[in-house]
Amino acid sequence: MFNLNLKEKEKVVQQMFTSIAESYDLNNSLLSFGLHHSWKRFAAGKVLVKEDGRCLDVCAGTLDIAMLLARRVGLKGLVVGLDLNHRMLLVGKEKLLKYSLDKRVLLVQGNAESLNFPDGIFDAVTVGFGIRNVTDINRAFSEICRVLKPGGRVVCLEFSRPVNALLRGLYDLYSFKILPGIGKIVAGDNTGVYQYLPDSIRKFPDQERLAETMRQAGFPRVEYSNLSGGIVAVHVGIK
């Protein structure tokens, strides 16, 4: 996977996520022991938006965070859910219809590295468990900064580095030995996506390095919170 060039990697990653889209939500709940719901609620709670606000959820996947935001902006607001993967958005659309949120969320298939929106149009941007899969993280954050209003904030929820050495060891054991097997059984995954995920987490910047990446992209104020011992972290950057 990591011997591929960036364009090849993007194509392979998208093929993998297409293959597991239908079982993605179930697997998230099983593999995180249900914790991903509280992580996403915490991240959405960091978004400061009025009832008529505009939010962009980048790498929106099956729209869990977009749905949380939609309930906050109300009927006068708008949430745009953007993802490169068409199949994931289709799964998310079914959830929007189920919970009568389809009028509040606009779905856009697009790339986080090239956001097709005017400058300064959004009050807030979120990205949950997706920035890790972007080929050029710096460019993606620069684009996010561009489409935010002055004073707007980006909230990034992502897997990170556990702060405790013992927890890191246990987490690595779970991620590399147990997680791929569960993913294969539940999702019928033969593409290697659940082997790719722990590999991508290990290669992803830790809390401080990600904060510095965000600063370099145009967010002078960046803070982060560790959740579940640093297994995940929520970074907040203010434009």
C-alpha atoms as a PDB file:
ATOM      1  CA  MET A   1       0.000   0.000   0.000  1.00  0.00           C
ATOM      2  CA  PHE A   2       2.581   2.569   1.042  1.00  0.00           C
ATOM      3  CA  ASN A   3       4.853   1.694  -1.890  1.00  0.00           C
ATOM      4  CA  LEU A   4       2.223   3.097  -4.248  1.00  0.00           C
ATOM      5  CA  ASN A   5       2.425   6.627  -5.569  1.00  0.00           C
ATOM      6  CA  LEU A   6      -0.118   9.099  -4.210  1.00  0.00           C
ATOM      7  CA  LYS A   7      -2.596   8.742  -7.082  1.00  0.00           C
ATOM      8  CA  GLU A   8      -2.466   4.952  -6.942  1.00  0.00           C
ATOM      9  CA  LYS A   9      -2.903   5.015  -3.166  1.00  0.00           C
ATOM     10  CA  GLU A  10      -5.989   7.216  -3.473  1.00  0.00           C
ATOM     11  CA  LYS A  11      -7.547   4.835  -5.979  1.00  0.00           C
ATOM     12  CA  VAL A  12      -6.831   1.737  -3.889  1.00  0.00           C
ATOM     13  CA  VAL A  13      -8.126   3.357  -0.689  1.00  0.00           C
ATOM     14  CA  GLN A  14     -11.360   4.360  -2.402  1.00  0.00           C
ATOM     15  CA  GLN A  15     -11.839   0.852  -3.763  1.00  0.00           C
ATOM     16  CA  MET A  16     -11.386  -0.543  -0.263  1.00  0.00           C
ATOM     17  CA  PHE A  17     -13.927   1.800   1.309  1.00  0.00           C
ATOM     18  CA  THR A  18     -16.424   1.120  -1.470  1.00  0.00           C
ATOM     19  CA  SER A  19     -16.157  -2.600  -0.687  1.00  0.00           C
ATOM     20  CA  ILE A  20     -17.030  -2.151   3.016  1.00  0.00           C
ATOM     21  CA  ALA A  21     -19.489   0.766   2.814  1.00  0.00           C
ATOM     22  CA  GLU A  22     -22.567  -1.314   3.642  1.00  0.00           C
ATOM     23  CA  SER A  23     -21.000  -2.762   6.803  1.00  0.00           C
ATOM     24  CA  TYR A  24     -18.969   0.308   7.766  1.00  0.00           C
ATOM     25  CA  ASP A  25     -21.233   1.544  10.578  1.00  0.00           C
ATOM     26  CA  LEU A  26     -21.621  -1.895  12.135  1.00  0.00           C
ATOM     27  CA  ASN A  27     -17.895  -2.500  12.060  1.00  0.00           C
ATOM     28  CA  ASN A  28     -17.182   0.908  13.598  1.00  0.00           C
ATOM     29  CA  SER A  29     -19.417   0.047  16.522  1.00  0.00           C
ATOM     30  CA  LEU A  30     -17.943  -3.410  17.003  1.00  0.00           C
ATOM     31  CA  LEU A  31     -14.299  -2.451  16.615  1.00  0.00           C
ATOM     32  CA  SER A  32     -14.535   0.616  18.871  1.00  0.00           C
ATOM     33  CA  PHE A  33     -16.834  -1.115  21.398  1.00  0.00           C
ATOM     34  CA  GLY A  34     -19.383   1.606  20.621  1.00  0.00           C
ATOM     35  CA  LEU A  35     -17.032   4.410  21.659  1.00  0.00           C
ATOM     36  CA  HIS A  36     -17.024   6.074  18.239  1.00  0.00           C
ATOM     37  CA  HIS A  37     -20.478   7.516  18.980  1.00  0.00           C
ATOM     38  CA  SER A  38     -19.264   9.396  22.069  1.00  0.00           C
ATOM     39  CA  TRP A  39     -16.087  10.496  20.256  1.00  0.00           C
ATOM     40  CA  LYS A  40     -18.180  11.993  17.458  1.00  0.00           C
ATOM     41  CA  ARG A  41     -20.570  13.688  19.880  1.00  0.00           C
ATOM     42  CA  PHE A  42     -17.598  15.234  21.677  1.00  0.00           C
ATOM     43  CA  ALA A  43     -16.187  16.529  18.386  1.00  0.00           C
ATOM     44  CA  ALA A  44     -19.542  17.939  17.262  1.00  0.00           C
ATOM     45  CA  GLY A  45     -19.836  19.653  20.639  1.00  0.00           C
ATOM     46  CA  LYS A  46     -16.671  21.610  19.840  1.00  0.00           C
ATOM     47  CA  VAL A  47     -18.407  23.230  16.882  1.00  0.00           C
ATOM     48  CA  LEU A  48     -19.712  26.697  17.701  1.00  0.00           C
ATOM     49  CA  VAL A  49     -22.504  27.380  15.259  1.00  0.00           C
ATOM     50  CA  LYS A  50     -25.786  29.271  15.342  1.00  0.00           C
ATOM     51  CA  GLU A  51     -29.085  27.734  14.363  1.00  0.00           C
ATOM     52  CA  ASP A  52     -28.843  29.308  10.907  1.00  0.00           C
ATOM     53  CA  GLY A  53     -25.153  28.486  10.451  1.00  0.00           C
ATOM     54  CA  ARG A  54     -23.322  26.788   7.615  1.00  0.00           C
ATOM     55  CA  CYS A  55     -21.112  23.789   8.316  1.00  0.00           C
ATOM     56  CA  LEU A  56     -18.976  21.606   6.091  1.00  0.00           C
ATOM     57  CA  ASP A  57     -18.208  18.013   7.064  1.00  0.00           C
ATOM     58  CA  VAL A  58     -15.157  16.908   5.055  1.00  0.00           C
ATOM     59  CA  CYS A  59     -14.479  13.191   4.512  1.00  0.00           C
ATOM     60  CA  ALA A  60     -18.045  12.775   5.743  1.00  0.00           C
ATOM     61  CA  GLY A  61     -18.262   9.024   5.153  1.00  0.00           C
ATOM     62  CA  THR A  62     -21.668   7.735   6.200  1.00  0.00           C
ATOM     63  CA  LEU A  63     -22.553  11.137   7.690  1.00  0.00           C
ATOM     64  CA  ASP A  64     -22.595  10.499  11.451  1.00  0.00           C
ATOM     65  CA  ILE A  65     -21.039  13.882  12.259  1.00  0.00           C
ATOM     66  CA  ALA A  66     -23.017  15.677   9.555  1.00  0.00           C
ATOM     67  CA  MET A  67     -26.216  14.395  11.159  1.00  0.00           C
ATOM     68  CA  LEU A  68     -25.157  15.650  14.588  1.00  0.00           C
ATOM     69  CA  LEU A  69     -24.463  19.071  13.092  1.00  0.00           C
ATOM     70  CA  ALA A  70     -27.745  19.090  11.167  1.00  0.00           C
ATOM     71  CA  ARG A  71     -29.686  18.786  14.399  1.00  0.00           C
ATOM     72  CA  ARG A  72     -27.854  21.829  15.752  1.00  0.00           C
ATOM     73  CA  VAL A  73     -28.177  24.217  12.812  1.00  0.00           C
ATOM     74  CA  GLY A  74     -31.923  23.683  12.526  1.00  0.00           C
ATOM     75  CA  LEU A  75     -34.159  24.212   9.525  1.00  0.00           C
ATOM     76  CA  LYS A  76     -32.590  27.564   8.654  1.00  0.00           C
ATOM     77  CA  GLY A  77     -29.040  26.242   8.622  1.00  0.00           C
ATOM     78  CA  LEU A  78     -27.164  24.007   6.205  1.00  0.00           C
ATOM     79  CA  VAL A  79     -24.660  21.203   6.524  1.00  0.00           C
ATOM     80  CA  VAL A  80     -22.653  20.075   3.513  1.00  0.00           C
ATOM     81  CA  GLY A  81     -21.411  16.497   3.694  1.00  0.00           C
ATOM     82  CA  LEU A  82     -18.469  16.001   1.355  1.00  0.00           C
ATOM     83  CA  ASP A  83     -16.721  12.742   0.596  1.00  0.00           C
ATOM     84  CA  LEU A  84     -14.752  11.310  -2.302  1.00  0.00           C
ATOM     85  CA  ASN A  85     -16.477   7.944  -2.018  1.00  0.00           C
ATOM     86  CA  HIS A  86     -19.864   7.736  -3.709  1.00  0.00           C
ATOM     87  CA  ARG A  87     -20.920   4.477  -2.043  1.00  0.00           C
ATOM     88  CA  MET A  88     -20.300   5.834   1.456  1.00  0.00           C
ATOM     89  CA  LEU A  89     -22.454   8.872   0.694  1.00  0.00           C
ATOM     90  CA  LEU A  90     -25.263   6.628  -0.557  1.00  0.00           C
ATOM     91  CA  VAL A  91     -25.222   4.720   2.732  1.00  0.00           C
ATOM     92  CA  GLY A  92     -25.287   8.047   4.563  1.00  0.00           C
ATOM     93  CA  LYS A  93     -28.190   9.282   2.455  1.00  0.00           C
ATOM     94  CA  GLU A  94     -30.310   6.343   3.625  1.00  0.00           C
ATOM     95  CA  LYS A  95     -29.649   7.415   7.216  1.00  0.00           C
ATOM     96  CA  LEU A  96     -30.629  11.008   6.442  1.00  0.00           C
ATOM     97  CA  LEU A  97     -33.945   9.817   5.031  1.00  0.00           C
ATOM     98  CA  LYS A  98     -34.526   7.525   8.002  1.00  0.00           C
ATOM     99  CA  TYR A  99     -34.132  10.395  10.486  1.00  0.00           C
ATOM    100  CA  SER A 100     -35.796  13.062   8.280  1.00  0.00           C
ATOM    101  CA  LEU A 101     -32.591  15.087   7.999  1.00  0.00           C
ATOM    102  CA  ASP A 102     -32.310  14.997   4.217  1.00  0.00           C
ATOM    103  CA  LYS A 103     -33.501  18.609   3.856  1.00  0.00           C
ATOM    104  CA  ARG A 104     -30.729  19.878   6.140  1.00  0.00           C
ATOM    105  CA  VAL A 105     -27.729  18.094   4.624  1.00  0.00           C
ATOM    106  CA  LEU A 106     -26.451  18.663   1.102  1.00  0.00           C
ATOM    107  CA  LEU A 107     -24.332  15.796  -0.217  1.00  0.00           C
ATOM    108  CA  VAL A 108     -21.325  16.571  -2.408  1.00  0.00           C
ATOM    109  CA  GLN A 109     -18.875  14.110  -3.888  1.00  0.00           C
ATOM    110  CA  GLY A 110     -15.516  15.859  -3.823  1.00  0.00           C
ATOM    111  CA  ASN A 111     -11.895  15.871  -2.767  1.00  0.00           C
ATOM    112  CA  ALA A 112     -10.732  17.410   0.517  1.00  0.00           C
ATOM    113  CA  GLU A 113      -7.626  18.720  -1.233  1.00  0.00           C
ATOM    114  CA  SER A 114      -9.623  20.789  -3.707  1.00  0.00           C
ATOM    115  CA  LEU A 115     -12.825  22.123  -2.155  1.00  0.00           C
ATOM    116  CA  ASN A 116     -15.121  23.572  -4.785  1.00  0.00           C
ATOM    117  CA  PHE A 117     -16.534  26.333  -2.563  1.00  0.00           C
ATOM    118  CA  PRO A 118     -15.958  30.119  -2.390  1.00  0.00           C
ATOM    119  CA  ASP A 119     -13.597  31.604   0.186  1.00  0.00           C
ATOM    120  CA  GLY A 120     -14.945  32.236   3.675  1.00  0.00           C
ATOM    121  CA  ILE A 121     -18.358  30.639   3.255  1.00  0.00           C
ATOM    122  CA  PHE A 122     -18.546  28.259   6.252  1.00  0.00           C
ATOM    123  CA  ASP A 123     -18.838  28.974   9.967  1.00  0.00           C
ATOM    124  CA  ALA A 124     -17.272  25.636  10.855  1.00  0.00           C
ATOM    125  CA  VAL A 125     -15.638  22.637   9.206  1.00  0.00           C
ATOM    126  CA  THR A 126     -15.392  19.158  10.688  1.00  0.00           C
ATOM    127  CA  VAL A 127     -13.396  16.137   9.593  1.00  0.00           C
ATOM    128  CA  GLY A 128     -13.842  12.853  11.433  1.00  0.00           C
ATOM    129  CA  PHE A 129     -11.594   9.841  10.870  1.00  0.00           C
ATOM    130  CA  GLY A 130     -10.857  10.982   7.336  1.00  0.00           C
ATOM    131  CA  ILE A 131      -7.879  13.318   7.235  1.00  0.00           C
ATOM    132  CA  ARG A 132      -5.635  10.287   7.763  1.00  0.00           C
ATOM    133  CA  ASN A 133      -6.696   8.945   4.361  1.00  0.00           C
ATOM    134  CA  VAL A 134      -6.020  12.187   2.463  1.00  0.00           C
ATOM    135  CA  THR A 135      -2.924  12.049   0.284  1.00  0.00           C
ATOM    136  CA  ASP A 136      -1.839  15.665   1.015  1.00  0.00           C
ATOM    137  CA  ILE A 137      -2.853  16.620   4.557  1.00  0.00           C
ATOM    138  CA  ASN A 138      -1.259  20.081   4.399  1.00  0.00           C
ATOM    139  CA  ARG A 139      -3.176  20.975   1.275  1.00  0.00           C
ATOM    140  CA  ALA A 140      -6.433  19.701   2.746  1.00  0.00           C
ATOM    141  CA  PHE A 141      -6.068  21.869   5.857  1.00  0.00           C
ATOM    142  CA  SER A 142      -5.131  24.854   3.702  1.00  0.00           C
ATOM    143  CA  GLU A 143      -8.317  24.352   1.703  1.00  0.00           C
ATOM    144  CA  ILE A 144     -10.344  24.030   4.888  1.00  0.00           C
ATOM    145  CA  CYS A 145      -8.835  27.278   6.139  1.00  0.00           C
ATOM    146  CA  ARG A 146      -9.688  29.007   2.866  1.00  0.00           C
ATOM    147  CA  VAL A 147     -13.401  28.158   2.959  1.00  0.00           C
ATOM    148  CA  LEU A 148     -13.795  29.114   6.628  1.00  0.00           C
ATOM    149  CA  LYS A 149     -14.978  32.539   7.706  1.00  0.00           C
ATOM    150  CA  PRO A 150     -12.539  34.603   9.807  1.00  0.00           C
ATOM    151  CA  GLY A 151     -12.952  33.381  13.374  1.00  0.00           C
ATOM    152  CA  GLY A 152     -14.403  30.097  12.164  1.00  0.00           C
ATOM    153  CA  ARG A 153     -13.077  26.814  13.457  1.00  0.00           C
ATOM    154  CA  VAL A 154     -12.090  23.424  12.170  1.00  0.00           C
ATOM    155  CA  VAL A 155     -12.675  20.408  14.387  1.00  0.00           C
ATOM    156  CA  CYS A 156     -10.635  17.335  13.503  1.00  0.00           C
ATOM    157  CA  LEU A 157     -11.367  13.960  15.103  1.00  0.00           C
ATOM    158  CA  GLU A 158      -8.743  11.348  14.343  1.00  0.00           C
ATOM    159  CA  PHE A 159      -6.932   8.333  15.705  1.00  0.00           C
ATOM    160  CA  SER A 160      -3.770   9.378  17.502  1.00  0.00           C
ATOM    161  CA  ARG A 161      -1.017   8.164  19.832  1.00  0.00           C
ATOM    162  CA  PRO A 162      -2.009   6.737  23.234  1.00  0.00           C
ATOM    163  CA  VAL A 163      -0.266   8.687  25.972  1.00  0.00           C
ATOM    164  CA  ASN A 164       0.532   5.639  28.112  1.00  0.00           C
ATOM    165  CA  ALA A 165       3.180   3.118  26.987  1.00  0.00           C
ATOM    166  CA  LEU A 166       1.215   0.135  28.285  1.00  0.00           C
ATOM    167  CA  LEU A 167      -1.924   1.321  26.502  1.00  0.00           C
ATOM    168  CA  ARG A 168       0.093   1.815  23.314  1.00  0.00           C
ATOM    169  CA  GLY A 169       1.265  -1.774  23.482  1.00  0.00           C
ATOM    170  CA  LEU A 170      -2.218  -3.150  24.059  1.00  0.00           C
ATOM    171  CA  TYR A 171      -3.630  -0.919  21.332  1.00  0.00           C
ATOM    172  CA  ASP A 172      -1.017  -2.109  18.825  1.00  0.00           C
ATOM    173  CA  LEU A 173      -1.798  -5.726  19.713  1.00  0.00           C
ATOM    174  CA  TYR A 174      -5.495  -5.136  19.162  1.00  0.00           C
ATOM    175  CA  SER A 175      -5.014  -3.089  15.967  1.00  0.00           C
ATOM    176  CA  PHE A 176      -2.573  -5.364  14.165  1.00  0.00           C
ATOM    177  CA  LYS A 177      -3.581  -8.808  15.426  1.00  0.00           C
ATOM    178  CA  ILE A 178      -7.275  -8.712  16.299  1.00  0.00           C
ATOM    179  CA  LEU A 179      -8.887  -5.900  14.293  1.00  0.00           C
ATOM    180  CA  PRO A 180      -8.070  -7.286  10.789  1.00  0.00           C
ATOM    181  CA  GLY A 181      -9.616 -10.628  11.690  1.00  0.00           C
ATOM    182  CA  ILE A 182     -12.820  -9.097  13.011  1.00  0.00           C
ATOM    183  CA  GLY A 183     -13.053  -6.848   9.964  1.00  0.00           C
ATOM    184  CA  LYS A 184     -12.699  -9.800   7.634  1.00  0.00           C
ATOM    185  CA  ILE A 185     -15.417 -11.787   9.426  1.00  0.00           C
ATOM    186  CA  VAL A 186     -17.960  -8.975   9.840  1.00  0.00           C
ATOM    187  CA  ALA A 187     -17.397  -7.036   6.622  1.00  0.00           C
ATOM    188  CA  GLY A 188     -16.331  -9.974   4.494  1.00  0.00           C
ATOM    189  CA  ASP A 189     -13.290  -7.843   3.759  1.00  0.00           C
ATOM    190  CA  ASN A 190     -10.791  -9.425   1.407  1.00  0.00           C
ATOM    191  CA  THR A 191      -9.305  -6.127   0.231  1.00  0.00           C
ATOM    192  CA  GLY A 192      -7.036  -5.558   3.223  1.00  0.00           C
ATOM    193  CA  VAL A 193      -8.765  -2.386   4.395  1.00  0.00           C
ATOM    194  CA  TYR A 194      -8.669  -3.488   8.031  1.00  0.00           C
ATOM    195  CA  GLN A 195      -4.951  -4.086   7.731  1.00  0.00           C
ATOM    196  CA  TYR A 196      -4.513  -0.730   6.012  1.00  0.00           C
ATOM    197  CA  LEU A 197      -6.289   1.123   8.837  1.00  0.00           C
ATOM    198  CA  PRO A 198      -3.825   0.304  11.652  1.00  0.00           C
ATOM    199  CA  ASP A 199      -0.916   0.866   9.269  1.00  0.00           C
ATOM    200  CA  SER A 200      -2.260   4.303   8.400  1.00  0.00           C
ATOM    201  CA  ILE A 201      -2.803   5.146  12.069  1.00  0.00           C
ATOM    202  CA  ARG A 202       0.778   4.260  12.961  1.00  0.00           C
ATOM    203  CA  LYS A 203       2.143   6.460  10.162  1.00  0.00           C
ATOM    204  CA  PHE A 204      -0.159   9.393  10.974  1.00  0.00           C
ATOM    205  CA  PRO A 205       1.284  12.412  12.860  1.00  0.00           C
ATOM    206  CA  ASP A 206       0.879  12.341  16.638  1.00  0.00           C
ATOM    207  CA  GLN A 207      -1.031  15.030  18.535  1.00  0.00           C
ATOM    208  CA  GLU A 208       1.703  17.682  18.545  1.00  0.00           C
ATOM    209  CA  ARG A 209       2.806  17.148  14.961  1.00  0.00           C
ATOM    210  CA  LEU A 210      -0.762  17.333  13.698  1.00  0.00           C
ATOM    211  CA  ALA A 211      -1.287  20.560  15.649  1.00  0.00           C
ATOM    212  CA  GLU A 212       1.822  22.007  13.998  1.00  0.00           C
ATOM    213  CA  THR A 213       0.576  20.935  10.565  1.00  0.00           C
ATOM    214  CA  MET A 214      -2.657  22.810  11.209  1.00  0.00           C
ATOM    215  CA  ARG A 215      -0.773  25.923  12.325  1.00  0.00           C
ATOM    216  CA  GLN A 216       1.269  25.896   9.150  1.00  0.00           C
ATOM    217  CA  ALA A 217      -1.938  25.613   7.122  1.00  0.00           C
ATOM    218  CA  GLY A 218      -3.288  28.882   8.533  1.00  0.00           C
ATOM    219  CA  PHE A 219      -4.664  28.156  12.002  1.00  0.00           C
ATOM    220  CA  PRO A 220      -2.574  30.136  14.516  1.00  0.00           C
ATOM    221  CA  ARG A 221      -4.611  28.843  17.465  1.00  0.00           C
ATOM    222  CA  VAL A 222      -4.763  25.054  17.761  1.00  0.00           C
ATOM    223  CA  GLU A 223      -5.751  23.065  20.833  1.00  0.00           C
ATOM    224  CA  TYR A 224      -6.441  19.374  21.237  1.00  0.00           C
ATOM    225  CA  SER A 225      -8.136  16.980  23.646  1.00  0.00           C
ATOM    226  CA  ASN A 226      -7.157  13.345  24.124  1.00  0.00           C
ATOM    227  CA  LEU A 227     -10.021  10.878  24.355  1.00  0.00           C
ATOM    228  CA  SER A 228      -9.785   7.302  25.602  1.00  0.00           C
ATOM    229  CA  GLY A 229      -6.199   7.779  26.695  1.00  0.00           C
ATOM    230  CA  GLY A 230      -5.123   9.332  23.409  1.00  0.00           C
ATOM    231  CA  ILE A 231      -6.411   6.537  21.186  1.00  0.00           C
ATOM    232  CA  VAL A 232      -8.202   9.392  19.472  1.00  0.00           C
ATOM    233  CA  ALA A 233      -7.713  13.135  19.683  1.00  0.00           C
ATOM    234  CA  VAL A 234      -9.882  16.121  18.801  1.00  0.00           C
ATOM    235  CA  HIS A 235      -7.956  19.081  17.411  1.00  0.00           C
ATOM    236  CA  VAL A 236      -9.620  22.492  17.188  1.00  0.00           C
ATOM    237  CA  GLY A 237      -8.107  25.190  15.000  1.00  0.00           C
ATOM    238  CA  ILE A 238      -9.378  28.763  14.818  1.00  0.00           C
ATOM    239  CA  LYS A 239      -8.850  30.871  11.702  1.00  0.00           C
END
